Amino acid sequence: MKTLLRNFLRIIAACCCLLVLGGGWWLIENYDHIYKLVTVVRAVENDYLYEIDREQLTDGAIKGMMANLGDAYAAYIDEEQFGVFQQSISGDVYGIGVYVNQDAEGNIVIIAPIEDGPAEAAGILAGDILKAVDGVRVEGLDLDTVVAKMRAGSDTEASITVWRDGEEYTYVIKRYLVAKTKTVFGEMLTENENIAYLRITSFSAQTSQELVETINELRTTHTINGVVLDLRNNSGGEVGSAIDIARLFVESGPVLHVVYNDEKQITYSATEAQIHVPLAVLVNEHSASASEILAGALKESGAGKLVGTKTFGKGVVQGVYFLHDGTAVKFTQAKYLTPNKNDIHGIGISPDIYVELPENIELNSGEDLQLQKALEVVQR
């Protein structure tokens, strides 16, 4: 054990020398913190009665560091989660077909099942609260951990337990390739055949192209005199797609500002709109992140009117830092500001026209009051 401690101290000393030679003073400036950590390592190595698992101790220390940042989105990504993360980058993600988010009480809420996905077919409903995955209770777990548990390889099944109306229900759902999921749905509204209804369920790298293709397809048979863009229950995704879609409707000017901890700011702007028709944007309390970027850009640029209820309020972006052993850490590294530089994190975006949807009313149904109001907006 003393050999391990000596090696640890040598590594720290070597890092100090390298950083000083390279002009970096971080370790010297944080000497007290490093010394405290080394002292604890020395005490445990020398005097702890029982056998220790060094890897477990290291992982625990990093988890504690992330937990004490006070950042709801900070997390340590272990080897199991890291595998899922790599799959998501490659697009080979197998899941049950749900959009989820974590509410203020820590509950994992099913925002909506993916249309025509296995979760929808099994009976999972929007608003269900996730209680267990494969028999493992999820209370107290962070969102990334729970999502990792729902994902696995092809030809596998997941046992999903949800809480609904005071009772628990369990479903066995076969996983499928999520990357094949379509994110844009479009049709001409029967109430007015010149109004296009476009629904974006999430933002992937292909969403902006999907939207353009959907509009072009509708234009082959109809003249589009107005658009209703539905972002309800859309918890976000690829920011670049949201920016690209905003540029389709915003004539000119900023659509998004990203601010980092050193006050460095990157501004994304539109230069020439491609679509020039009245626009109404449907939002609700489950419209988050990239959805709010798009909604904020359309509202503050004057390109469209927001209809519905206040959005979720996620205006921060996370960075992932890969570690040498196949793990990683994730924490917030920047915040989003709307075109008028409003910080919506923890606040949300208020609609121009507030319309609440009664309970048990399906979106895009004949009783959808929010959609009816949006239709009125684009017909004025």
Protein backbone atom coordinates (compact mmCIF):
# COMPACT_ATOMS: atom_id res chain seq x y z
CA MET A 1 0.00 0.00 0.00
CA LYS A 2 2.84 2.42 0.82
CA THR A 3 4.25 1.75 -2.64
CA LEU A 4 0.92 2.80 -4.17
CA LEU A 5 0.95 6.00 -2.11
CA ARG A 6 4.53 6.82 -3.14
CA ASN A 7 3.62 6.29 -6.78
CA PHE A 8 0.55 8.51 -6.39
CA LEU A 9 2.66 11.31 -4.89
CA ARG A 10 5.25 10.94 -7.65
CA ILE A 11 2.51 11.30 -10.27
CA ILE A 12 1.22 14.46 -8.59
CA ALA A 13 4.76 15.88 -8.39
CA ALA A 14 5.42 15.05 -12.03
CA CYS A 15 2.16 16.73 -13.10
CA CYS A 16 3.13 19.84 -11.12
CA CYS A 17 6.51 19.98 -12.88
CA LEU A 18 4.98 19.52 -16.31
CA LEU A 19 2.34 22.16 -15.73
CA VAL A 20 4.86 24.67 -14.36
CA LEU A 21 7.19 24.08 -17.30
CA GLY A 22 4.26 24.55 -19.67
CA GLY A 23 3.22 27.80 -18.01
CA GLY A 24 0.29 26.29 -16.08
CA TRP A 25 -0.13 27.02 -12.36
CA TRP A 26 -3.38 25.21 -11.61
CA LEU A 27 -1.96 22.55 -9.27
CA ILE A 28 0.16 25.07 -7.37
CA GLU A 29 -2.79 27.41 -6.92
CA ASN A 30 -4.85 24.47 -5.64
CA TYR A 31 -2.13 22.99 -3.43
CA ASP A 32 -4.31 22.89 -0.29
CA HIS A 33 -7.02 20.87 -2.06
CA ILE A 34 -4.51 18.42 -3.56
CA TYR A 35 -2.75 18.06 -0.20
CA LYS A 36 -6.08 17.31 1.52
CA LEU A 37 -6.85 14.60 -1.04
CA VAL A 38 -3.38 13.07 -0.66
CA THR A 39 -3.74 13.10 3.13
CA VAL A 40 -6.98 11.13 2.97
CA VAL A 41 -5.45 8.65 0.54
CA ARG A 42 -2.50 8.18 2.89
CA ALA A 43 -4.76 7.63 5.89
CA VAL A 44 -6.93 5.05 4.11
CA GLU A 45 -3.97 3.21 2.60
CA ASN A 46 -2.10 3.01 5.91
CA ASP A 47 -4.78 2.56 8.55
CA TYR A 48 -8.11 1.31 7.14
CA LEU A 49 -8.92 -2.06 8.72
CA TYR A 50 -10.56 -3.73 5.76
CA GLU A 51 -9.60 -4.41 2.17
CA ILE A 52 -10.35 -1.56 -0.19
CA ASP A 53 -11.44 -1.43 -3.81
CA ARG A 54 -9.36 1.45 -5.17
CA GLU A 55 -11.39 1.76 -8.37
CA GLN A 56 -14.60 1.99 -6.38
CA LEU A 57 -13.10 4.65 -4.12
CA THR A 58 -11.93 6.71 -7.11
CA ASP A 59 -15.31 6.46 -8.82
CA GLY A 60 -17.02 7.46 -5.58
CA ALA A 61 -14.79 10.50 -5.21
CA ILE A 62 -15.57 11.67 -8.74
CA LYS A 63 -19.30 11.05 -8.25
CA GLY A 64 -19.16 13.11 -5.07
CA MET A 65 -17.40 15.91 -6.91
CA MET A 66 -20.09 15.99 -9.59
CA ALA A 67 -22.88 15.79 -6.98
CA ASN A 68 -21.47 18.76 -5.06
CA LEU A 69 -21.29 21.08 -8.05
CA GLY A 70 -24.95 21.90 -7.44
CA ASP A 71 -25.55 21.14 -11.12
CA ALA A 72 -28.61 19.02 -11.84
CA TYR A 73 -27.06 17.94 -15.14
CA ALA A 74 -23.61 16.99 -13.83
CA ALA A 75 -22.85 13.28 -13.71
CA TYR A 76 -20.12 10.67 -13.71
CA ILE A 77 -20.54 8.37 -16.70
CA ASP A 78 -19.37 4.88 -15.73
CA GLU A 79 -18.29 2.18 -18.17
CA GLU A 80 -21.84 0.86 -18.69
CA GLN A 81 -23.25 4.33 -19.36
CA PHE A 82 -20.23 5.21 -21.50
CA GLY A 83 -21.07 2.34 -23.83
CA VAL A 84 -24.59 3.70 -24.22
CA PHE A 85 -23.18 7.18 -24.82
CA GLN A 86 -20.92 5.90 -27.60
CA GLN A 87 -23.89 4.15 -29.18
CA SER A 88 -25.84 7.42 -29.17
CA ILE A 89 -22.99 9.15 -31.02
CA SER A 90 -22.85 6.42 -33.67
CA GLY A 91 -26.64 6.37 -33.98
CA ASP A 92 -26.91 2.68 -33.04
CA VAL A 93 -29.18 3.28 -30.06
CA TYR A 94 -31.68 0.63 -29.05
CA GLY A 95 -34.41 1.76 -26.68
CA ILE A 96 -38.08 1.32 -25.85
CA GLY A 97 -39.24 4.47 -27.67
CA VAL A 98 -40.02 7.18 -25.11
CA TYR A 99 -39.11 10.80 -24.49
CA VAL A 100 -38.33 11.37 -20.82
CA ASN A 101 -37.35 14.21 -18.52
CA GLN A 102 -36.73 14.69 -14.80
CA ASP A 103 -39.06 17.00 -12.91
CA ALA A 104 -38.28 19.25 -9.95
CA GLU A 105 -39.08 16.41 -7.50
CA GLY A 106 -36.62 14.07 -9.20
CA ASN A 107 -39.27 11.91 -10.87
CA ILE A 108 -38.48 10.48 -14.30
CA VAL A 109 -41.53 11.48 -16.34
CA ILE A 110 -42.57 9.99 -19.67
CA ILE A 111 -43.02 13.13 -21.77
CA ALA A 112 -44.46 11.09 -24.63
CA PRO A 113 -44.05 7.69 -26.24
CA ILE A 114 -42.51 7.84 -29.71
CA GLU A 115 -45.20 7.54 -32.35
CA ASP A 116 -45.48 3.96 -33.68
CA GLY A 117 -42.75 2.85 -31.27
CA PRO A 118 -42.86 -0.25 -29.04
CA ALA A 119 -43.63 1.72 -25.84
CA GLU A 120 -46.71 3.28 -27.44
CA ALA A 121 -47.84 -0.13 -28.70
CA ALA A 122 -47.38 -1.62 -25.23
CA GLY A 123 -49.58 1.03 -23.57
CA ILE A 124 -47.12 3.56 -22.11
CA LEU A 125 -48.78 7.00 -21.87
CA ALA A 126 -47.57 10.59 -21.70
CA GLY A 127 -47.41 11.65 -18.05
CA ASP A 128 -46.55 8.19 -16.71
CA ILE A 129 -43.91 8.31 -13.97
CA LEU A 130 -41.17 5.72 -14.36
CA LYS A 131 -40.70 3.62 -11.24
CA ALA A 132 -38.52 0.66 -12.24
CA VAL A 133 -36.52 -0.75 -15.15
CA ASP A 134 -35.98 -4.52 -15.18
CA GLY A 135 -37.03 -4.67 -11.56
CA VAL A 136 -34.55 -1.99 -10.42
CA ARG A 137 -36.24 0.97 -8.72
CA VAL A 138 -35.20 4.30 -10.23
CA GLU A 139 -36.05 6.66 -7.36
CA GLY A 140 -32.99 8.78 -6.54
CA LEU A 141 -31.19 7.99 -9.82
CA ASP A 142 -30.20 10.72 -12.26
CA LEU A 143 -31.73 10.92 -15.72
CA ASP A 144 -28.64 9.64 -17.56
CA THR A 145 -28.46 6.53 -15.39
CA VAL A 146 -32.12 5.72 -15.96
CA VAL A 147 -31.86 6.27 -19.71
CA ALA A 148 -28.84 3.94 -19.82
CA LYS A 149 -30.87 1.25 -18.08
CA MET A 150 -33.63 1.50 -20.68
CA ARG A 151 -31.16 1.11 -23.54
CA ALA A 152 -29.41 -2.10 -24.62
CA GLY A 153 -28.67 -4.15 -27.71
CA SER A 154 -31.07 -5.37 -30.36
CA ASP A 155 -33.45 -8.26 -29.77
CA THR A 156 -33.68 -7.54 -26.04
CA GLU A 157 -36.64 -6.73 -23.84
CA ALA A 158 -37.10 -4.31 -20.96
CA SER A 159 -39.51 -4.60 -18.07
CA ILE A 160 -40.86 -1.10 -17.42
CA THR A 161 -42.90 -0.17 -14.35
CA VAL A 162 -44.77 3.14 -14.33
CA TRP A 163 -47.02 4.99 -11.88
CA ARG A 164 -50.34 6.20 -13.24
CA ASP A 165 -53.51 7.33 -11.44
CA GLY A 166 -52.39 5.93 -8.08
CA GLU A 167 -51.36 2.50 -9.38
CA GLU A 168 -48.26 0.80 -10.77
CA TYR A 169 -48.32 -0.90 -14.17
CA THR A 170 -45.58 -3.10 -15.60
CA TYR A 171 -44.97 -3.62 -19.33
CA VAL A 172 -42.50 -5.85 -21.15
CA ILE A 173 -41.25 -3.93 -24.19
CA LYS A 174 -38.94 -5.09 -26.96
CA ARG A 175 -36.19 -2.58 -27.74
CA TYR A 176 -35.76 -1.21 -31.26
CA LEU A 177 -33.31 0.95 -33.20
CA VAL A 178 -34.18 4.48 -32.10
CA ALA A 179 -32.06 6.09 -34.85
CA LYS A 180 -34.68 5.06 -37.39
CA THR A 181 -37.26 7.20 -35.61
CA LYS A 182 -38.79 9.94 -37.71
CA THR A 183 -38.82 13.32 -35.95
CA VAL A 184 -41.00 15.46 -38.26
CA PHE A 185 -44.63 14.85 -39.17
CA GLY A 186 -46.60 17.10 -41.50
CA GLU A 187 -50.05 17.45 -42.99
CA MET A 188 -52.43 20.07 -44.29
CA LEU A 189 -55.12 20.85 -41.75
CA THR A 190 -58.61 19.73 -42.70
CA GLU A 191 -60.08 22.95 -41.26
CA ASN A 192 -58.07 24.94 -43.78
CA GLU A 193 -56.27 23.12 -46.57
CA ASN A 194 -53.82 26.01 -47.00
CA ILE A 195 -52.46 25.73 -43.43
CA ALA A 196 -49.61 23.27 -42.87
CA TYR A 197 -49.36 21.50 -39.52
CA LEU A 198 -45.77 20.47 -38.73
CA ARG A 199 -44.90 18.55 -35.57
CA ILE A 200 -41.32 18.05 -34.38
CA THR A 201 -41.08 15.31 -31.74
CA SER A 202 -37.35 15.73 -31.02
CA PHE A 203 -34.25 17.25 -32.60
CA SER A 204 -31.78 14.92 -34.28
CA ALA A 205 -29.02 15.73 -36.73
CA GLN A 206 -31.50 15.05 -39.55
CA THR A 207 -34.47 17.04 -38.22
CA SER A 208 -33.89 20.28 -40.13
CA GLN A 209 -33.53 18.34 -43.39
CA GLU A 210 -36.64 16.30 -42.53
CA LEU A 211 -38.59 19.52 -42.01
CA VAL A 212 -37.50 20.97 -45.36
CA GLU A 213 -38.39 17.73 -47.14
CA THR A 214 -41.80 17.60 -45.43
CA ILE A 215 -42.62 21.19 -46.42
CA ASN A 216 -41.50 20.60 -50.00
CA GLU A 217 -43.64 17.47 -50.19
CA LEU A 218 -46.71 19.35 -48.97
CA ARG A 219 -46.03 22.13 -51.47
CA THR A 220 -46.28 19.70 -54.39
CA THR A 221 -50.02 19.39 -53.82
CA HIS A 222 -50.98 22.51 -51.83
CA THR A 223 -50.32 26.21 -51.55
CA ILE A 224 -49.08 26.91 -48.02
CA ASN A 225 -50.46 30.19 -46.66
CA GLY A 226 -49.62 29.56 -43.00
CA VAL A 227 -47.78 27.14 -40.71
CA VAL A 228 -48.58 25.72 -37.27
CA LEU A 229 -45.34 24.37 -35.78
CA ASP A 230 -45.96 21.98 -32.86
CA LEU A 231 -43.12 21.75 -30.29
CA ARG A 232 -45.26 20.39 -27.46
CA ASN A 233 -43.76 17.49 -25.50
CA ASN A 234 -40.48 17.99 -27.35
CA SER A 235 -37.70 17.72 -24.77
CA GLY A 236 -34.92 18.85 -27.11
CA GLY A 237 -31.91 17.23 -28.72
CA GLU A 238 -29.52 18.44 -31.41
CA VAL A 239 -29.07 22.21 -31.01
CA GLY A 240 -27.73 22.66 -34.54
CA SER A 241 -31.02 21.48 -36.01
CA ALA A 242 -32.97 23.97 -33.92
CA ILE A 243 -30.72 26.79 -35.16
CA ASP A 244 -31.08 25.68 -38.78
CA ILE A 245 -34.87 25.58 -38.49
CA ALA A 246 -34.97 29.03 -36.89
CA ARG A 247 -33.00 30.34 -39.87
CA LEU A 248 -35.74 29.10 -42.19
CA PHE A 249 -38.26 31.48 -40.62
CA VAL A 250 -36.19 34.37 -39.18
CA GLU A 251 -35.43 37.10 -41.72
CA SER A 252 -32.21 38.33 -40.13
CA GLY A 253 -30.46 38.89 -36.81
CA PRO A 254 -29.42 36.68 -33.89
CA VAL A 255 -31.31 33.46 -33.12
CA LEU A 256 -29.16 32.28 -30.20
CA HIS A 257 -26.34 33.41 -27.91
CA VAL A 258 -24.15 30.87 -26.08
CA VAL A 259 -22.19 32.24 -23.08
CA TYR A 260 -19.29 30.42 -21.38
CA ASN A 261 -17.79 30.86 -17.92
CA ASP A 262 -15.04 33.18 -19.18
CA GLU A 263 -17.77 35.43 -20.64
CA LYS A 264 -16.84 34.25 -24.13
CA GLN A 265 -19.97 34.49 -26.25
CA ILE A 266 -20.87 32.87 -29.56
CA THR A 267 -23.83 34.26 -31.48
CA TYR A 268 -25.71 32.35 -34.16
CA SER A 269 -27.61 34.50 -36.63
CA ALA A 270 -30.04 34.25 -39.52
CA THR A 271 -29.39 36.04 -42.79
CA GLU A 272 -32.37 35.37 -45.04
CA ALA A 273 -35.63 33.58 -44.29
CA GLN A 274 -36.79 30.84 -46.65
CA ILE A 275 -40.41 30.64 -45.48
CA HIS A 276 -42.56 33.80 -45.52
CA VAL A 277 -46.00 32.89 -44.15
CA PRO A 278 -47.86 33.52 -40.86
CA LEU A 279 -46.50 31.17 -38.19
CA ALA A 280 -47.91 29.93 -34.87
CA VAL A 281 -45.75 27.81 -32.56
CA LEU A 282 -47.34 25.42 -30.06
CA VAL A 283 -45.46 24.98 -26.76
CA ASN A 284 -46.14 23.52 -23.33
CA GLU A 285 -44.38 22.73 -20.05
CA HIS A 286 -42.59 19.79 -21.70
CA SER A 287 -41.05 21.89 -24.48
CA ALA A 288 -37.42 22.06 -23.39
CA SER A 289 -33.85 22.82 -24.39
CA ALA A 290 -33.56 22.87 -28.23
CA SER A 291 -37.33 23.40 -28.42
CA GLU A 292 -36.94 26.53 -26.31
CA ILE A 293 -34.06 27.74 -28.47
CA LEU A 294 -36.30 27.54 -31.52
CA ALA A 295 -39.36 28.95 -29.73
CA GLY A 296 -37.38 31.86 -28.28
CA ALA A 297 -35.84 32.71 -31.65
CA LEU A 298 -39.20 32.68 -33.43
CA LYS A 299 -40.94 34.69 -30.72
CA GLU A 300 -38.34 37.43 -30.19
CA SER A 301 -37.58 37.86 -33.88
CA GLY A 302 -41.27 38.37 -34.57
CA ALA A 303 -41.30 35.47 -37.02
CA GLY A 304 -44.04 33.64 -35.12
CA LYS A 305 -46.50 33.73 -32.22
CA LEU A 306 -46.20 31.25 -29.35
CA VAL A 307 -49.43 29.55 -28.28
CA GLY A 308 -49.89 27.26 -25.27
CA THR A 309 -48.30 27.25 -21.82
CA LYS A 310 -44.91 28.27 -20.41
CA THR A 311 -42.00 26.08 -21.53
CA PHE A 312 -39.81 23.89 -19.30
CA GLY A 313 -36.88 26.24 -18.73
CA LYS A 314 -33.65 24.41 -19.65
CA GLY A 315 -31.20 26.97 -20.94
CA VAL A 316 -27.82 25.35 -20.30
CA VAL A 317 -25.50 23.12 -22.31
CA GLN A 318 -23.35 20.30 -20.98
CA GLY A 319 -19.85 19.27 -22.00
CA VAL A 320 -18.55 15.70 -21.82
CA TYR A 321 -14.93 15.09 -20.79
CA PHE A 322 -13.57 11.65 -21.62
CA LEU A 323 -11.28 9.94 -19.12
CA HIS A 324 -8.49 7.48 -19.90
CA ASP A 325 -10.26 4.38 -18.54
CA GLY A 326 -13.41 4.42 -20.67
CA THR A 327 -15.44 6.64 -18.35
CA ALA A 328 -16.33 10.33 -18.52
CA VAL A 329 -17.74 13.27 -16.59
CA LYS A 330 -20.45 15.63 -17.76
CA PHE A 331 -21.31 19.06 -16.39
CA THR A 332 -22.73 22.40 -17.47
CA GLN A 333 -20.24 24.52 -19.37
CA ALA A 334 -22.38 27.20 -21.03
CA LYS A 335 -25.81 28.82 -21.01
CA TYR A 336 -28.18 29.77 -23.79
CA LEU A 337 -29.61 33.24 -24.18
CA THR A 338 -32.48 34.15 -26.47
CA PRO A 339 -31.97 36.69 -29.30
CA ASN A 340 -32.80 39.51 -26.84
CA LYS A 341 -30.30 37.97 -24.36
CA ASN A 342 -32.92 36.67 -21.95
CA ASP A 343 -31.76 33.85 -19.67
CA ILE A 344 -34.66 31.36 -19.57
CA HIS A 345 -33.00 28.68 -17.44
CA GLY A 346 -35.30 27.71 -14.59
CA ILE A 347 -37.82 30.24 -15.90
CA GLY A 348 -39.07 29.07 -19.28
CA ILE A 349 -40.59 31.10 -22.09
CA SER A 350 -44.08 32.50 -21.74
CA PRO A 351 -46.33 32.14 -24.79
CA ASP A 352 -47.76 35.16 -26.57
CA ILE A 353 -51.20 33.59 -26.19
CA TYR A 354 -51.78 31.45 -23.11
CA VAL A 355 -54.06 28.47 -23.69
CA GLU A 356 -54.22 25.57 -21.25
CA LEU A 357 -55.13 22.13 -22.52
CA PRO A 358 -57.72 20.26 -20.38
CA GLU A 359 -56.64 16.91 -18.95
CA ASN A 360 -57.11 13.75 -20.99
CA ILE A 361 -57.34 15.70 -24.25
CA GLU A 362 -55.11 14.28 -26.98
CA LEU A 363 -52.80 16.58 -28.89
CA ASN A 364 -53.86 17.30 -32.46
CA SER A 365 -57.40 16.08 -31.82
CA GLY A 366 -60.70 17.80 -32.48
CA GLU A 367 -60.71 18.98 -28.84
CA ASP A 368 -57.18 20.39 -28.93
CA LEU A 369 -57.88 23.99 -27.83
CA GLN A 370 -54.26 25.03 -28.28
CA LEU A 371 -54.22 23.88 -31.88
CA GLN A 372 -57.54 25.62 -32.54
CA LYS A 373 -56.13 28.91 -31.20
CA ALA A 374 -52.94 28.51 -33.26
CA LEU A 375 -55.07 28.03 -36.36
CA GLU A 376 -56.89 31.27 -35.57
CA VAL A 377 -53.55 33.08 -35.26
CA VAL A 378 -52.27 32.12 -38.70
CA GLN A 379 -55.62 32.89 -40.35
CA ARG A 380 -55.78 36.50 -39.12
